[in-house]
N, C-alpha and C. Protein backbone atom coordinates (compact mmCIF):
# COMPACT_ATOMS: atom_id res chain seq x y z
N ASN A 1 -23.50 -11.48 16.78
CA ASN A 1 -22.38 -11.42 17.36
C ASN A 1 -21.17 -10.98 16.26
N LEU A 2 -21.55 -11.53 15.20
CA LEU A 2 -20.33 -11.08 13.82
C LEU A 2 -20.17 -9.84 13.71
N ASN A 3 -20.72 -8.98 14.08
CA ASN A 3 -20.25 -7.36 13.96
C ASN A 3 -19.01 -7.04 15.15
N GLN A 4 -18.79 -7.96 16.47
CA GLN A 4 -17.75 -8.08 17.10
C GLN A 4 -16.40 -8.34 17.37
N PHE A 5 -15.44 -7.07 17.54
CA PHE A 5 -14.44 -7.53 17.43
C PHE A 5 -13.48 -7.72 18.26
N ILE A 6 -12.71 -8.47 19.65
CA ILE A 6 -12.55 -8.87 20.64
C ILE A 6 -11.05 -9.43 21.18
N GLN A 7 -10.14 -8.41 21.54
CA GLN A 7 -8.75 -8.57 21.00
C GLN A 7 -8.54 -9.98 22.01
N ALA A 8 -9.42 -10.34 22.86
CA ALA A 8 -9.11 -11.21 24.14
C ALA A 8 -9.27 -12.66 23.20
N GLU A 9 -10.37 -12.45 22.19
CA GLU A 9 -10.15 -14.06 21.41
C GLU A 9 -9.88 -14.47 19.76
N LYS A 10 -8.16 -13.02 19.92
CA LYS A 10 -7.33 -13.77 19.15
C LYS A 10 -7.99 -13.79 17.90
N ILE A 11 -8.85 -12.68 17.32
CA ILE A 11 -9.47 -12.54 16.00
C ILE A 11 -9.00 -11.29 15.68
N THR A 12 -7.95 -10.48 16.47
CA THR A 12 -7.26 -9.58 15.65
C THR A 12 -6.24 -9.17 15.38
N LYS A 13 -5.55 -8.46 14.35
CA LYS A 13 -4.01 -9.07 13.90
C LYS A 13 -2.86 -7.39 14.10
N ASP A 14 -2.01 -7.51 15.20
CA ASP A 14 -1.16 -6.89 15.47
C ASP A 14 -0.09 -6.78 14.52
N LEU A 15 0.22 -5.55 13.89
CA LEU A 15 1.22 -4.68 13.63
C LEU A 15 2.14 -4.07 14.36
N MET A 16 3.30 -3.95 13.44
CA MET A 16 4.26 -2.80 14.25
C MET A 16 3.70 -1.68 14.38
N PRO A 17 3.89 -0.81 15.71
CA PRO A 17 3.48 0.08 15.47
C PRO A 17 4.34 0.85 15.30
N SER A 18 5.71 1.19 14.28
CA SER A 18 7.38 1.70 13.77
C SER A 18 6.12 2.01 12.35
N TYR A 19 5.58 0.82 11.50
CA TYR A 19 4.29 1.05 10.90
C TYR A 19 3.78 2.36 10.62
N GLY A 20 3.18 2.75 11.17
CA GLY A 20 2.32 3.97 11.16
C GLY A 20 0.33 3.40 11.39
N SER A 21 0.08 4.10 11.04
CA SER A 21 -1.73 3.94 11.10
C SER A 21 -1.90 3.23 9.50
N ILE A 22 -3.54 2.09 9.50
CA ILE A 22 -3.30 1.86 8.78
C ILE A 22 -4.10 2.50 7.74
N GLN A 23 -3.78 3.07 6.98
CA GLN A 23 -4.24 3.67 5.78
C GLN A 23 -5.07 3.43 4.75
N LYS A 24 -4.90 1.72 4.22
CA LYS A 24 -5.53 1.50 3.59
C LYS A 24 -5.50 0.10 3.15
N LEU A 25 -6.80 -0.67 3.47
CA LEU A 25 -7.18 -2.29 3.21
C LEU A 25 -7.63 -2.51 1.71
N TYR A 26 -6.94 -3.40 1.22
CA TYR A 26 -7.04 -3.65 0.09
C TYR A 26 -6.99 -4.95 -0.62
N ALA A 27 -8.00 -5.80 -0.80
CA ALA A 27 -8.30 -7.30 -0.98
C ALA A 27 -7.78 -7.71 -2.40
N ARG A 28 -5.99 -8.45 -2.64
CA ARG A 28 -6.18 -9.02 -3.90
C ARG A 28 -5.32 -10.37 -4.00
N ASP A 29 -6.01 -10.90 -4.64
CA ASP A 29 -6.58 -13.16 -4.74
C ASP A 29 -6.82 -13.36 -3.39
N LYS A 30 -6.15 -13.92 -2.81
CA LYS A 30 -6.54 -14.58 -1.41
C LYS A 30 -5.51 -14.00 0.17
N ASP A 31 -4.80 -12.28 -0.13
CA ASP A 31 -4.44 -11.95 0.36
C ASP A 31 -5.22 -10.83 0.40
N LEU A 32 -4.23 -9.76 1.63
CA LEU A 32 -4.96 -8.45 2.12
C LEU A 32 -3.41 -7.24 2.62
N ILE A 33 -3.77 -6.59 1.11
CA ILE A 33 -2.64 -5.52 1.08
C ILE A 33 -3.25 -4.85 2.45
N THR A 34 -2.11 -4.18 3.30
CA THR A 34 -1.99 -3.70 4.22
C THR A 34 -1.52 -2.28 3.57
N LEU A 35 -2.19 -0.82 3.54
CA LEU A 35 -1.19 -0.19 3.12
C LEU A 35 -1.02 1.37 4.71
N CYS A 36 0.34 1.31 5.11
CA CYS A 36 0.44 2.07 6.19
C CYS A 36 1.01 2.89 5.70
N GLU A 37 1.52 4.06 7.07
CA GLU A 37 1.91 5.40 6.83
C GLU A 37 2.93 4.52 6.28
N ASP A 38 4.14 3.58 6.49
CA ASP A 38 5.39 4.30 6.59
C ASP A 38 5.59 3.00 5.77
N LYS A 39 5.07 1.54 6.26
CA LYS A 39 5.61 -0.07 5.23
C LYS A 39 3.81 -0.12 4.38
N VAL A 40 4.30 -1.50 3.69
CA VAL A 40 2.75 -1.71 2.80
C VAL A 40 3.21 -3.34 2.99
N ILE A 41 2.39 -4.27 3.85
CA ILE A 41 2.40 -5.67 4.31
C ILE A 41 1.07 -6.12 3.76
N ARG A 42 1.55 -7.84 3.65
CA ARG A 42 0.87 -8.20 2.83
C ARG A 42 0.48 -9.37 4.21
N ILE A 43 -1.05 -9.21 4.73
CA ILE A 43 -1.12 -10.37 5.39
C ILE A 43 -2.25 -11.43 4.61
N TYR A 44 -1.50 -12.72 4.59
CA TYR A 44 -1.95 -14.05 4.38
C TYR A 44 -3.95 -14.07 4.87
N VAL A 45 -4.74 -14.42 3.73
CA VAL A 45 -5.88 -14.73 4.98
C VAL A 45 -6.07 -16.92 4.64
N ASP A 46 -6.19 -16.73 5.87
CA ASP A 46 -7.14 -18.21 5.36
C ASP A 46 -6.01 -19.30 5.51
N LYS A 47 -4.69 -18.60 5.50
CA LYS A 47 -3.08 -18.90 5.24
C LYS A 47 -2.07 -18.25 6.05
N ASP A 48 -1.27 -19.75 6.48
CA ASP A 48 -0.28 -19.22 7.50
C ASP A 48 1.21 -19.31 6.62
N ILE A 49 2.18 -19.06 7.01
CA ILE A 49 3.54 -19.35 6.49
C ILE A 49 3.84 -20.17 7.83
N LEU A 50 4.76 -21.08 6.99
CA LEU A 50 5.82 -21.78 8.33
C LEU A 50 7.34 -21.85 7.92
N TYR A 51 8.18 -21.15 8.33
CA TYR A 51 9.82 -21.47 8.64
C TYR A 51 10.57 -22.34 8.87
N ASN A 52 10.67 -23.19 7.47
CA ASN A 52 11.81 -23.87 8.10
C ASN A 52 13.66 -23.36 8.03
N ALA A 53 14.01 -24.63 8.68
CA ALA A 53 15.31 -24.21 9.17
C ALA A 53 16.17 -23.28 8.02
N ASP A 54 16.22 -23.76 7.07
CA ASP A 54 16.90 -22.76 5.91
C ASP A 54 16.34 -21.50 5.39
N GLY A 55 15.59 -21.79 6.00
CA GLY A 55 15.05 -19.85 5.88
C GLY A 55 13.69 -19.96 4.34
N ASN A 56 13.43 -20.99 3.58
CA ASN A 56 12.54 -21.00 3.00
C ASN A 56 11.14 -21.35 3.60
N THR A 57 10.31 -21.05 2.77
CA THR A 57 8.90 -20.43 3.42
C THR A 57 7.77 -21.76 2.70
N GLN A 58 6.58 -21.97 3.69
CA GLN A 58 5.71 -23.18 2.64
C GLN A 58 4.61 -22.41 3.27
N LEU A 59 3.66 -22.23 3.05
CA LEU A 59 1.94 -21.39 2.81
C LEU A 59 1.75 -23.46 3.73
N LEU A 60 0.81 -22.85 4.74
CA LEU A 60 0.47 -24.22 5.45
C LEU A 60 -2.00 -23.27 5.28
N ALA A 61 -2.28 -24.19 5.45
CA ALA A 61 -3.99 -23.80 5.76
C ALA A 61 -4.21 -23.91 7.52
N THR A 62 -5.16 -22.43 7.72
CA THR A 62 -5.46 -22.40 8.82
C THR A 62 -6.41 -22.35 9.09
N ASN A 63 -7.44 -22.44 10.70
CA ASN A 63 -8.22 -21.91 10.67
C ASN A 63 -8.69 -20.64 10.85
N ARG A 64 -7.45 -20.00 11.20
CA ARG A 64 -7.67 -18.26 11.22
C ARG A 64 -7.64 -17.77 10.09
N VAL A 65 -9.07 -16.58 10.17
CA VAL A 65 -9.30 -15.66 8.72
C VAL A 65 -7.64 -14.77 8.99
N LEU A 66 -7.28 -14.59 9.49
CA LEU A 66 -5.97 -13.67 9.37
C LEU A 66 -4.66 -14.44 9.58
N GLY A 67 -3.79 -14.73 8.43
CA GLY A 67 -2.66 -15.08 8.65
C GLY A 67 -1.28 -14.92 8.98
N THR A 68 -0.81 -15.17 8.51
CA THR A 68 0.58 -14.71 9.02
C THR A 68 0.62 -12.56 7.47
N ALA A 69 1.35 -12.01 8.48
CA ALA A 69 1.68 -10.70 8.17
C ALA A 69 3.12 -10.65 7.21
N GLU A 70 3.54 -9.74 6.28
CA GLU A 70 4.75 -9.74 5.52
C GLU A 70 4.87 -9.32 5.30
N PRO A 71 5.85 -7.61 5.44
CA PRO A 71 5.79 -6.55 4.92
C PRO A 71 6.61 -6.83 3.18
N PHE A 72 6.06 -6.16 2.65
CA PHE A 72 7.21 -5.97 1.19
C PHE A 72 8.40 -5.72 1.14
N ARG A 73 9.56 -5.82 0.27
CA ARG A 73 10.06 -5.19 0.86
C ARG A 73 10.96 -3.78 0.52
N GLY A 74 11.13 -3.16 0.75
CA GLY A 74 11.62 -1.57 1.08
C GLY A 74 10.74 -0.42 2.01
N ASN A 75 11.56 0.32 2.13
CA ASN A 75 11.01 1.64 2.67
C ASN A 75 9.51 2.20 2.07
N PHE A 76 8.51 1.86 1.99
CA PHE A 76 7.70 3.21 1.86
C PHE A 76 6.85 2.22 1.91
N GLY A 77 5.28 3.26 1.97
CA GLY A 77 3.84 3.41 2.47
C GLY A 77 3.05 4.05 2.07
N ILE A 78 2.06 4.77 2.42
CA ILE A 78 1.37 5.40 1.83
C ILE A 78 0.93 6.73 2.05
N SER A 79 2.13 6.62 3.70
CA SER A 79 1.73 8.19 4.12
C SER A 79 0.37 8.33 4.61
N LYS A 80 -0.53 9.85 4.10
CA LYS A 80 -1.58 9.99 4.74
C LYS A 80 -2.43 10.11 3.62
N ASN A 81 -2.06 9.10 2.82
CA ASN A 81 -2.98 10.00 1.42
C ASN A 81 -3.66 8.17 0.71
N PRO A 82 -4.79 8.00 1.51
CA PRO A 82 -5.12 6.45 0.84
C PRO A 82 -5.55 6.50 -0.50
N GLU A 83 -6.51 8.45 -0.63
CA GLU A 83 -7.03 8.85 -1.96
C GLU A 83 -5.99 8.21 -2.92
N SER A 84 -4.85 8.60 -3.25
CA SER A 84 -3.62 8.22 -4.01
C SER A 84 -3.84 6.78 -4.67
N PHE A 85 -4.43 6.27 -3.72
CA PHE A 85 -4.13 4.51 -3.86
C PHE A 85 -5.39 4.35 -5.64
N ALA A 86 -4.74 3.83 -6.38
CA ALA A 86 -5.52 3.32 -7.93
C ALA A 86 -5.11 1.87 -8.09
N ALA A 87 -5.66 0.78 -8.22
CA ALA A 87 -5.15 -0.52 -9.11
C ALA A 87 -5.84 -1.09 -10.40
N GLU A 88 -5.47 -1.22 -10.92
CA GLU A 88 -4.97 -2.30 -12.32
C GLU A 88 -5.00 -3.84 -12.05
N SER A 89 -5.63 -4.70 -12.50
CA SER A 89 -5.26 -5.51 -12.48
C SER A 89 -4.63 -6.51 -11.62
N PHE A 90 -3.66 -6.28 -11.37
CA PHE A 90 -2.39 -6.91 -10.31
C PHE A 90 -1.68 -6.03 -10.16
N ARG A 91 -2.19 -5.04 -10.37
CA ARG A 91 -1.22 -4.02 -10.43
C ARG A 91 -1.87 -2.73 -9.38
N ALA A 92 -1.12 -2.50 -8.40
CA ALA A 92 -1.41 -0.55 -7.52
C ALA A 92 -0.71 0.48 -7.63
N TYR A 93 -0.69 1.45 -7.43
CA TYR A 93 -0.25 2.49 -7.59
C TYR A 93 -0.35 3.68 -6.67
N PHE A 94 0.32 4.31 -5.72
CA PHE A 94 -0.01 5.04 -4.90
C PHE A 94 1.07 6.30 -4.53
N THR A 95 0.67 6.97 -3.82
CA THR A 95 2.26 7.97 -3.31
C THR A 95 2.69 7.82 -2.36
N ASP A 96 3.50 8.07 -1.81
CA ASP A 96 4.48 8.34 -0.77
C ASP A 96 5.06 9.74 -0.55
N LYS A 97 3.73 10.31 0.18
CA LYS A 97 4.74 11.50 0.23
C LYS A 97 6.08 12.35 1.04
N GLN A 98 5.65 11.28 1.84
CA GLN A 98 6.38 11.66 2.87
C GLN A 98 7.82 11.82 2.59
N ARG A 99 8.13 10.64 1.45
CA ARG A 99 9.41 9.85 1.49
C ARG A 99 9.83 10.40 -0.67
N GLY A 100 8.77 11.11 -1.24
CA GLY A 100 8.95 12.40 -2.30
C GLY A 100 8.19 11.10 -3.88
N ALA A 101 7.59 9.96 -3.47
CA ALA A 101 8.07 8.52 -4.55
C ALA A 101 6.63 7.64 -4.66
N VAL A 102 6.74 7.82 -6.11
CA VAL A 102 5.66 7.15 -6.64
C VAL A 102 5.68 5.60 -6.80
N ILE A 103 4.99 4.68 -6.37
CA ILE A 103 5.20 3.62 -6.04
C ILE A 103 3.92 2.50 -6.71
N ARG A 104 4.87 1.59 -7.45
CA ARG A 104 4.09 0.45 -8.30
C ARG A 104 4.74 -0.73 -7.64
N LEU A 105 2.56 -1.50 -6.73
CA LEU A 105 2.93 -2.64 -6.28
C LEU A 105 2.51 -3.47 -6.96
N SER A 106 3.02 -4.47 -7.51
CA SER A 106 2.95 -5.70 -8.50
C SER A 106 3.17 -6.86 -7.85
N MET A 107 2.94 -7.61 -8.97
CA MET A 107 3.78 -9.18 -8.14
C MET A 107 4.85 -9.37 -7.37
N ASP A 108 6.07 -8.48 -7.79
CA ASP A 108 7.34 -8.59 -8.01
C ASP A 108 7.14 -7.51 -6.50
N GLY A 109 6.08 -6.44 -5.96
CA GLY A 109 6.71 -6.08 -5.10
C GLY A 109 6.73 -4.45 -5.43
N LEU A 110 7.61 -4.27 -4.32
CA LEU A 110 7.26 -2.60 -4.80
C LEU A 110 7.85 -1.66 -5.46
N THR A 111 7.99 -1.20 -6.29
CA THR A 111 8.80 -0.41 -7.37
C THR A 111 8.63 1.20 -7.50
N PRO A 112 9.27 1.97 -6.65
CA PRO A 112 9.51 3.65 -7.23
C PRO A 112 9.91 3.76 -8.60
N ILE A 113 8.53 3.85 -9.28
CA ILE A 113 8.58 4.48 -10.51
C ILE A 113 8.64 5.79 -10.75
N SER A 114 9.09 6.48 -10.06
CA SER A 114 9.07 7.68 -9.82
C SER A 114 10.44 8.09 -10.11
N ASP A 115 11.36 6.98 -10.04
CA ASP A 115 12.89 7.11 -10.29
C ASP A 115 12.60 7.04 -11.58
N ALA A 116 12.33 6.69 -12.73
CA ALA A 116 12.52 6.92 -13.94
C ALA A 116 12.26 7.74 -14.81
N GLY A 117 13.13 8.47 -14.63
CA GLY A 117 13.35 10.00 -15.30
C GLY A 117 12.54 11.61 -14.52
N MET A 118 12.20 11.13 -12.66
CA MET A 118 11.05 12.06 -12.62
C MET A 118 11.63 12.38 -11.04
N HIS A 119 12.68 11.20 -10.24
CA HIS A 119 12.83 11.30 -9.30
C HIS A 119 12.51 12.50 -8.08
N ASP A 120 13.65 13.82 -9.37
CA ASP A 120 13.53 14.86 -8.38
C ASP A 120 12.77 16.14 -8.67
N TYR A 121 11.67 15.68 -9.35
CA TYR A 121 10.47 16.45 -9.34
C TYR A 121 9.29 15.47 -8.09
N PHE A 122 9.22 15.02 -8.13
CA PHE A 122 8.97 14.19 -7.16
C PHE A 122 9.26 13.93 -5.70
N ARG A 123 10.70 13.79 -5.72
CA ARG A 123 10.87 14.48 -4.46
C ARG A 123 10.81 15.77 -3.97
N ASP A 124 11.02 16.26 -4.93
CA ASP A 124 10.89 18.12 -4.67
C ASP A 124 9.20 18.49 -4.46
N ASN A 125 8.36 18.21 -5.46
CA ASN A 125 6.62 19.14 -5.23
C ASN A 125 5.97 17.73 -4.67
N LEU A 126 6.48 16.28 -4.18
CA LEU A 126 5.54 15.86 -3.14
C LEU A 126 4.44 16.14 -1.53
N LYS A 127 6.13 16.19 -1.47
CA LYS A 127 5.98 16.61 0.22
C LYS A 127 5.53 17.72 0.15
N THR A 128 5.73 18.72 -1.05
CA THR A 128 4.54 20.28 -0.19
C THR A 128 3.23 20.17 -1.32
N ALA A 129 2.68 18.56 -1.55
CA ALA A 129 1.51 19.21 -2.26
C ALA A 129 0.14 18.82 -1.08
N GLY A 130 -0.73 19.23 -1.65
CA GLY A 130 -1.76 19.38 -1.57
C GLY A 130 -2.60 18.22 -1.40
N LYS A 131 -3.52 17.88 -1.76
CA LYS A 131 -4.39 16.56 -1.85
C LYS A 131 -4.26 15.74 -2.48
N LEU A 132 -3.56 14.16 -2.54
CA LEU A 132 -3.46 13.81 -4.08
C LEU A 132 -4.34 12.28 -4.14
N ILE A 133 -5.10 12.45 -5.23
CA ILE A 133 -5.87 11.78 -5.84
C ILE A 133 -5.55 10.92 -6.83
N GLY A 134 -5.18 9.41 -6.49
CA GLY A 134 -4.54 8.61 -7.75
C GLY A 134 -5.74 8.30 -8.50
N THR A 135 -5.77 7.91 -10.47
CA THR A 135 -6.91 6.83 -10.71
C THR A 135 -5.62 6.43 -11.84
N TYR A 136 -6.76 5.40 -12.46
CA TYR A 136 -5.89 4.74 -13.46
C TYR A 136 -6.55 4.89 -14.72
N ASP A 137 -6.02 5.25 -15.63
CA ASP A 137 -6.50 5.69 -16.77
C ASP A 137 -6.52 3.90 -18.25
N ASP A 138 -7.32 3.13 -18.38
CA ASP A 138 -7.55 1.98 -18.75
C ASP A 138 -6.54 2.64 -19.92
N ASN A 139 -7.30 3.72 -21.14
CA ASN A 139 -7.41 4.23 -22.30
C ASN A 139 -5.55 4.53 -23.02
N LYS A 140 -4.77 5.14 -21.68
CA LYS A 140 -3.21 5.33 -22.09
C LYS A 140 -2.15 4.48 -21.21
N GLU A 141 -3.48 3.71 -20.57
CA GLU A 141 -2.27 2.96 -19.31
C GLU A 141 -1.46 3.74 -18.42
N ASP A 142 -2.10 4.24 -17.88
CA ASP A 142 -1.23 5.44 -17.09
C ASP A 142 -2.14 5.83 -15.83
N TYR A 143 -0.43 5.43 -14.58
CA TYR A 143 -1.36 6.06 -13.78
C TYR A 143 -1.42 7.31 -13.56
N VAL A 144 -2.43 8.19 -13.14
CA VAL A 144 -2.90 9.24 -13.00
C VAL A 144 -2.46 10.11 -11.40
N ILE A 145 -2.20 11.77 -11.54
CA ILE A 145 -1.96 12.29 -10.00
C ILE A 145 -2.69 13.33 -10.30
N LEU A 146 -3.81 13.61 -9.61
CA LEU A 146 -4.45 14.88 -9.47
C LEU A 146 -4.12 15.37 -8.27
N GLU A 147 -3.93 16.34 -7.99
CA GLU A 147 -3.48 17.62 -6.94
C GLU A 147 -4.65 18.79 -7.07
N ILE A 148 -4.77 18.30 -5.70
CA ILE A 148 -5.91 19.37 -5.25
C ILE A 148 -5.60 20.32 -4.15
N ASP A 149 -5.08 21.41 -4.46
CA ASP A 149 -4.70 22.29 -3.41
C ASP A 149 -5.88 22.90 -2.41
N GLY A 150 -5.21 23.28 -1.28
CA GLY A 150 -6.36 23.30 -0.44
C GLY A 150 -6.83 24.50 -0.12
N GLU A 151 -6.87 25.64 -0.43
CA GLU A 151 -6.50 26.82 -0.99
C GLU A 151 -7.56 27.10 -1.98
N GLU A 152 -7.48 26.91 -3.33
CA GLU A 152 -7.90 27.13 -4.36
C GLU A 152 -8.31 26.35 -5.21
N ASN A 153 -8.62 24.70 -4.66
CA ASN A 153 -9.37 24.13 -4.82
C ASN A 153 -9.53 23.56 -6.59
N GLU A 154 -7.75 23.76 -6.97
CA GLU A 154 -7.52 23.97 -9.06
C GLU A 154 -6.87 22.35 -8.73
N PRO A 155 -7.54 21.57 -9.54
CA PRO A 155 -7.04 20.75 -10.19
C PRO A 155 -5.20 20.73 -10.70
N THR A 156 -4.48 19.53 -10.76
CA THR A 156 -2.96 20.27 -12.10
C THR A 156 -3.35 18.19 -11.60
N SER A 157 -2.62 17.60 -13.17
CA SER A 157 -2.72 16.46 -13.14
C SER A 157 -1.08 16.37 -13.60
N THR A 158 -0.49 14.90 -12.79
CA THR A 158 0.10 14.41 -13.70
C THR A 158 0.68 13.35 -14.01
N ARG A 159 0.96 12.59 -14.97
CA ARG A 159 0.98 11.71 -16.28
C ARG A 159 2.12 10.95 -15.72
């Protein structure tokens, strides 16, 4: 019965409905990165967070598989484009079509890398783009976005 997920047994994790649907799960270290349409969340695996009265946190071991769900700072998600996700080492890259941004997730949190000189371009073009496929070029150390237009299936790339 290892393939049964019964909500009454408290083995599932509830997330805020305002985050949208889960589009991508990515295991990083001992965390499960959950990319929703409108939010990116870190779910601790085999750990829970205890909040002290002063607001500081402490990690605790737990017998639950999925511990505390903690959203990353920033109002970004992966929209409905999980295919734009690409990971390299401790960094992950993806697009947020709804907000017209290209995002890097690193140990520092979420960073809109599209703001580095190309904010207007991505804001104007991502919302109307077709299917966005992301990959990481190890040789040039670049995140590459490939747009597949629904009608022509002609790829165009942006680095």
